[in-house]
C-alpha atoms as a PDB file:
ATOM      1  CA  UNK A   1       0.000   0.000   0.000  1.00  0.00           C
ATOM      2  CA  UNK A   2       1.117   3.560  -0.661  1.00  0.00           C
ATOM      3  CA  UNK A   3      -0.146   6.853   0.794  1.00  0.00           C
ATOM      4  CA  UNK A   4       0.876  10.404   0.006  1.00  0.00           C
ATOM      5  CA  UNK A   5       0.823  13.261   2.508  1.00  0.00           C
ATOM      6  CA  UNK A   6       0.848  16.766   1.067  1.00  0.00           C
ATOM      7  CA  UNK A   7       3.286  19.192   2.650  1.00  0.00           C
ATOM      8  CA  UNK A   8       2.758  22.940   2.658  1.00  0.00           C
ATOM      9  CA  UNK A   9       6.326  24.044   3.425  1.00  0.00           C
ATOM     10  CA  UNK A  10       9.720  22.448   2.981  1.00  0.00           C
ATOM     11  CA  UNK A  11      10.563  23.335   6.603  1.00  0.00           C
ATOM     12  CA  UNK A  12       7.929  20.830   7.693  1.00  0.00           C
ATOM     13  CA  UNK A  13       9.752  18.031   5.884  1.00  0.00           C
ATOM     14  CA  UNK A  14      13.041  19.080   7.495  1.00  0.00           C
ATOM     15  CA  UNK A  15      11.426  19.086  10.937  1.00  0.00           C
ATOM     16  CA  UNK A  16       9.739  15.757  10.373  1.00  0.00           C
ATOM     17  CA  UNK A  17      12.845  13.976   9.083  1.00  0.00           C
ATOM     18  CA  UNK A  18      15.149  15.475  11.727  1.00  0.00           C
ATOM     19  CA  UNK A  19      18.929  15.667  11.795  1.00  0.00           C
ATOM     20  CA  UNK A  20      20.459  13.000   9.557  1.00  0.00           C
ATOM     21  CA  UNK A  21      16.902  11.651   9.003  1.00  0.00           C
ATOM     22  CA  UNK A  22      16.938  10.203  12.530  1.00  0.00           C
ATOM     23  CA  UNK A  23      13.242  10.894  13.182  1.00  0.00           C
ATOM     24  CA  UNK A  24      12.008   9.269   9.998  1.00  0.00           C
ATOM     25  CA  UNK A  25      14.337   6.277  10.424  1.00  0.00           C
ATOM     26  CA  UNK A  26      12.827   5.670  13.850  1.00  0.00           C
ATOM     27  CA  UNK A  27       9.314   5.909  12.405  1.00  0.00           C
ATOM     28  CA  UNK A  28      10.203   3.543   9.539  1.00  0.00           C
ATOM     29  CA  UNK A  29      11.595   0.983  11.985  1.00  0.00           C
ATOM     30  CA  UNK A  30       8.655   1.246  14.386  1.00  0.00           C
ATOM     31  CA  UNK A  31       5.973   0.862  11.700  1.00  0.00           C
ATOM     32  CA  UNK A  32       7.986  -1.210   9.181  1.00  0.00           C
ATOM     33  CA  UNK A  33       7.353   1.228   6.313  1.00  0.00           C
ATOM     34  CA  UNK A  34       9.408   3.147   3.771  1.00  0.00           C
ATOM     35  CA  UNK A  35       9.057   6.939   3.869  1.00  0.00           C
ATOM     36  CA  UNK A  36      10.321   9.118   1.023  1.00  0.00           C
ATOM     37  CA  UNK A  37      10.100  12.852   0.526  1.00  0.00           C
ATOM     38  CA  UNK A  38       9.356  14.794  -2.615  1.00  0.00           C
ATOM     39  CA  UNK A  39       9.157  18.533  -3.151  1.00  0.00           C
ATOM     40  CA  UNK A  40       5.584  18.870  -1.898  1.00  0.00           C
ATOM     41  CA  UNK A  41       4.680  15.513  -0.389  1.00  0.00           C
ATOM     42  CA  UNK A  42       5.789  12.518   1.639  1.00  0.00           C
ATOM     43  CA  UNK A  43       5.126   8.979   0.444  1.00  0.00           C
ATOM     44  CA  UNK A  44       4.636   6.109   2.882  1.00  0.00           C
ATOM     45  CA  UNK A  45       4.830   2.525   1.557  1.00  0.00           C
ATOM     46  CA  UNK A  46       4.291  -0.786   3.303  1.00  0.00           C
ATOM     47  CA  UNK A  47       1.639  -3.141   4.589  1.00  0.00           C
ATOM     48  CA  UNK A  48      -1.797  -1.443   4.825  1.00  0.00           C
ATOM     49  CA  UNK A  49      -2.098  -1.389   8.632  1.00  0.00           C
ATOM     50  CA  UNK A  50       1.513  -0.262   9.049  1.00  0.00           C
ATOM     51  CA  UNK A  51       1.043   2.519   6.509  1.00  0.00           C
ATOM     52  CA  UNK A  52      -2.170   3.628   8.205  1.00  0.00           C
ATOM     53  CA  UNK A  53      -0.464   3.816  11.608  1.00  0.00           C
ATOM     54  CA  UNK A  54       2.614   5.572  10.219  1.00  0.00           C
ATOM     55  CA  UNK A  55       0.455   8.146   8.420  1.00  0.00           C
ATOM     56  CA  UNK A  56      -1.408   8.861  11.659  1.00  0.00           C
ATOM     57  CA  UNK A  57       1.883   9.377  13.475  1.00  0.00           C
ATOM     58  CA  UNK A  58       3.213  11.624  10.700  1.00  0.00           C
ATOM     59  CA  UNK A  59       0.004  13.673  10.712  1.00  0.00           C
ATOM     60  CA  UNK A  60       0.356  14.219  14.466  1.00  0.00           C
ATOM     61  CA  UNK A  61       4.026  15.145  14.167  1.00  0.00           C
ATOM     62  CA  UNK A  62       3.267  17.604  11.358  1.00  0.00           C
ATOM     63  CA  UNK A  63       0.612  19.274  13.518  1.00  0.00           C
ATOM     64  CA  UNK A  64       3.198  19.701  16.283  1.00  0.00           C
ATOM     65  CA  UNK A  65       5.740  21.092  13.812  1.00  0.00           C
ATOM     66  CA  UNK A  66       3.193  23.552  12.391  1.00  0.00           C
ATOM     67  CA  UNK A  67       2.209  24.638  15.910  1.00  0.00           C
ATOM     68  CA  UNK A  68       5.822  25.334  16.886  1.00  0.00           C
ATOM     69  CA  UNK A  69       6.450  27.216  13.630  1.00  0.00           C
ATOM     70  CA  UNK A  70       3.412  29.385  14.339  1.00  0.00           C
ATOM     71  CA  UNK A  71       4.429  29.839  17.982  1.00  0.00           C
ATOM     72  CA  UNK A  72       7.948  30.863  16.976  1.00  0.00           C
ATOM     73  CA  UNK A  73       6.577  33.358  14.452  1.00  0.00           C
ATOM     74  CA  UNK A  74       4.134  34.723  17.040  1.00  0.00           C
ATOM     75  CA  UNK A  75       6.888  35.185  19.649  1.00  0.00           C
ATOM     76  CA  UNK A  76       9.151  36.960  17.152  1.00  0.00           C
ATOM     77  CA  UNK A  77       6.298  39.239  16.098  1.00  0.00           C
ATOM     78  CA  UNK A  78       5.348  39.972  19.696  1.00  0.00           C
ATOM     79  CA  UNK A  79       8.966  40.660  20.604  1.00  0.00           C
ATOM     80  CA  UNK A  80       9.389  42.978  17.610  1.00  0.00           C
ATOM     81  CA  UNK A  81       6.395  45.103  18.676  1.00  0.00           C
ATOM     82  CA  UNK A  82       7.696  45.613  22.227  1.00  0.00           C
END
């Protein structure tokens, strides 16, 4: 099975994969899937249940990454106005 996850910003892929791809390697090992990145999406391949679980985990991680990007932007903006 194969699933694609659309990515809005390249920084999200960098955050998800981590330094030296350590985050994605851990996820691949845990869920026994193959994760590849493209310019605007991530592809997850493997057994259907494993892919489903890995995609859920990736979705959650992306939400955390997006939150921290927004929070960082908000703090910089707030700091700049003071």
